[in-house]
Amino acid sequence: MIFNRIVFFGRAVKGLKESNLFMEVPWVKEQFVSKLGFTPYPGTFNLRIEGGGSLMRWQEEKKREGIEIRLQKTVFAAPAVAVLILLIK
């Protein structure tokens, strides 16, 4: 898989410190490996995007088709879990 580099400017911000639980679930790891070709780091980097150019690039990237990570209903009691990995083919 070949990825293009896209640069966003922003500020690092604190998150909820809960994504590591989701990223350590075996079926989640398996889907990342099979669909993206790598084992994910158990956590996230949260970036508040700033600047007109970065915001416009982000709006364009959100329109692109993503890679689906299917949730298994029996694993989480939380109403929803969202995962975003910005890797551009």
C-alpha atoms as a PDB file:
ATOM      1  CA  MET A   1       0.000   0.000   0.000  1.00  0.00           C
ATOM      2  CA  ILE A   2       1.415   3.413  -0.985  1.00  0.00           C
ATOM      3  CA  PHE A   3       0.421   6.558   0.890  1.00  0.00           C
ATOM      4  CA  ASN A   4       0.767  10.212  -0.060  1.00  0.00           C
ATOM      5  CA  ARG A   5       1.952  12.709   2.495  1.00  0.00           C
ATOM      6  CA  ILE A   6      -0.460  15.469   3.497  1.00  0.00           C
ATOM      7  CA  VAL A   7       0.572  18.141   5.987  1.00  0.00           C
ATOM      8  CA  PHE A   8      -1.813  19.615   8.542  1.00  0.00           C
ATOM      9  CA  PHE A   9      -0.890  22.383  10.954  1.00  0.00           C
ATOM     10  CA  GLY A  10      -2.453  22.561  14.376  1.00  0.00           C
ATOM     11  CA  ARG A  11      -2.031  22.223  18.093  1.00  0.00           C
ATOM     12  CA  ALA A  12      -1.713  19.003  20.078  1.00  0.00           C
ATOM     13  CA  VAL A  13      -4.576  18.643  22.560  1.00  0.00           C
ATOM     14  CA  LYS A  14      -5.389  16.211  25.355  1.00  0.00           C
ATOM     15  CA  GLY A  15      -7.838  13.431  24.689  1.00  0.00           C
ATOM     16  CA  LEU A  16      -9.936  11.200  26.929  1.00  0.00           C
ATOM     17  CA  LYS A  17      -7.166   8.560  27.239  1.00  0.00           C
ATOM     18  CA  GLU A  18      -9.588   5.777  26.312  1.00  0.00           C
ATOM     19  CA  SER A  19      -8.597   4.805  22.763  1.00  0.00           C
ATOM     20  CA  ASN A  20      -5.842   2.475  23.974  1.00  0.00           C
ATOM     21  CA  LEU A  21      -8.559   0.131  25.314  1.00  0.00           C
ATOM     22  CA  PHE A  22     -10.208  -0.068  21.893  1.00  0.00           C
ATOM     23  CA  MET A  23      -6.925  -0.424  20.001  1.00  0.00           C
ATOM     24  CA  GLU A  24      -5.868  -3.377  22.178  1.00  0.00           C
ATOM     25  CA  VAL A  25      -8.965  -5.476  21.356  1.00  0.00           C
ATOM     26  CA  PRO A  26      -7.797  -8.476  19.266  1.00  0.00           C
ATOM     27  CA  TRP A  27     -10.444  -8.183  16.503  1.00  0.00           C
ATOM     28  CA  VAL A  28      -9.651  -4.466  16.102  1.00  0.00           C
ATOM     29  CA  LYS A  29      -5.922  -5.178  15.733  1.00  0.00           C
ATOM     30  CA  GLU A  30      -6.665  -7.962  13.235  1.00  0.00           C
ATOM     31  CA  GLN A  31      -8.740  -5.622  11.067  1.00  0.00           C
ATOM     32  CA  PHE A  32      -6.031  -2.957  11.054  1.00  0.00           C
ATOM     33  CA  VAL A  33      -3.383  -5.488  10.089  1.00  0.00           C
ATOM     34  CA  SER A  34      -5.494  -7.076   7.350  1.00  0.00           C
ATOM     35  CA  LYS A  35      -6.809  -3.781   5.907  1.00  0.00           C
ATOM     36  CA  LEU A  36      -3.855  -1.430   6.427  1.00  0.00           C
ATOM     37  CA  GLY A  37      -0.878  -3.751   6.713  1.00  0.00           C
ATOM     38  CA  PHE A  38       0.385  -2.670  10.157  1.00  0.00           C
ATOM     39  CA  THR A  39      -0.328  -3.148  13.857  1.00  0.00           C
ATOM     40  CA  PRO A  40      -1.735   0.081  15.308  1.00  0.00           C
ATOM     41  CA  TYR A  41      -0.177   1.922  18.215  1.00  0.00           C
ATOM     42  CA  PRO A  42      -2.529   1.588  21.199  1.00  0.00           C
ATOM     43  CA  GLY A  43      -3.511   5.238  21.448  1.00  0.00           C
ATOM     44  CA  THR A  44      -4.116   8.386  19.445  1.00  0.00           C
ATOM     45  CA  PHE A  45      -2.535  11.720  18.692  1.00  0.00           C
ATOM     46  CA  ASN A  46      -5.147  14.454  18.970  1.00  0.00           C
ATOM     47  CA  LEU A  47      -4.627  17.484  16.751  1.00  0.00           C
ATOM     48  CA  ARG A  48      -6.808  20.598  16.698  1.00  0.00           C
ATOM     49  CA  ILE A  49      -6.330  21.686  13.097  1.00  0.00           C
ATOM     50  CA  GLU A  50      -5.582  25.390  12.700  1.00  0.00           C
ATOM     51  CA  GLY A  51      -5.028  27.677   9.756  1.00  0.00           C
ATOM     52  CA  GLY A  52      -7.107  28.188   6.635  1.00  0.00           C
ATOM     53  CA  GLY A  53      -5.036  25.922   4.376  1.00  0.00           C
ATOM     54  CA  SER A  54      -5.041  23.031   6.844  1.00  0.00           C
ATOM     55  CA  LEU A  55      -8.766  23.384   7.489  1.00  0.00           C
ATOM     56  CA  MET A  56      -9.524  23.332   3.762  1.00  0.00           C
ATOM     57  CA  ARG A  57      -7.312  20.230   3.248  1.00  0.00           C
ATOM     58  CA  TRP A  58      -9.069  18.519   6.181  1.00  0.00           C
ATOM     59  CA  GLN A  59     -12.520  19.277   4.714  1.00  0.00           C
ATOM     60  CA  GLU A  60     -11.414  17.739   1.397  1.00  0.00           C
ATOM     61  CA  GLU A  61      -9.930  14.644   3.064  1.00  0.00           C
ATOM     62  CA  LYS A  62     -13.127  14.008   5.027  1.00  0.00           C
ATOM     63  CA  LYS A  63     -14.931  13.550   1.696  1.00  0.00           C
ATOM     64  CA  ARG A  64     -12.684  10.667   0.674  1.00  0.00           C
ATOM     65  CA  GLU A  65     -13.771   7.077   1.139  1.00  0.00           C
ATOM     66  CA  GLY A  66     -12.325   5.574   4.299  1.00  0.00           C
ATOM     67  CA  ILE A  67     -11.454   2.064   5.388  1.00  0.00           C
ATOM     68  CA  GLU A  68     -14.193   0.541   7.514  1.00  0.00           C
ATOM     69  CA  ILE A  69     -13.371  -1.029  10.863  1.00  0.00           C
ATOM     70  CA  ARG A  70     -16.471  -3.045  11.763  1.00  0.00           C
ATOM     71  CA  LEU A  71     -17.568  -2.986  15.392  1.00  0.00           C
ATOM     72  CA  GLN A  72     -18.655  -6.162  17.129  1.00  0.00           C
ATOM     73  CA  LYS A  73     -21.768  -5.390  19.180  1.00  0.00           C
ATOM     74  CA  THR A  74     -20.975  -7.780  22.015  1.00  0.00           C
ATOM     75  CA  VAL A  75     -17.688  -6.132  22.992  1.00  0.00           C
ATOM     76  CA  PHE A  76     -18.553  -2.583  24.091  1.00  0.00           C
ATOM     77  CA  ALA A  77     -21.347  -1.141  26.212  1.00  0.00           C
ATOM     78  CA  ALA A  78     -20.588   2.373  24.940  1.00  0.00           C
ATOM     79  CA  PRO A  79     -23.108   3.667  22.362  1.00  0.00           C
ATOM     80  CA  ALA A  80     -20.473   4.471  19.743  1.00  0.00           C
ATOM     81  CA  VAL A  81     -16.753   4.313  19.123  1.00  0.00           C
ATOM     82  CA  ALA A  82     -15.137   6.222  16.285  1.00  0.00           C
ATOM     83  CA  VAL A  83     -11.679   5.626  14.877  1.00  0.00           C
ATOM     84  CA  LEU A  84      -9.961   7.858  12.379  1.00  0.00           C
ATOM     85  CA  ILE A  85      -6.662   7.051  10.788  1.00  0.00           C
ATOM     86  CA  LEU A  86      -5.582   9.511   8.188  1.00  0.00           C
ATOM     87  CA  LEU A  87      -3.691   7.497   5.612  1.00  0.00           C
ATOM     88  CA  ILE A  88      -4.048   8.610   2.033  1.00  0.00           C
ATOM     89  CA  LYS A  89      -3.537   6.166  -0.829  1.00  0.00           C
END
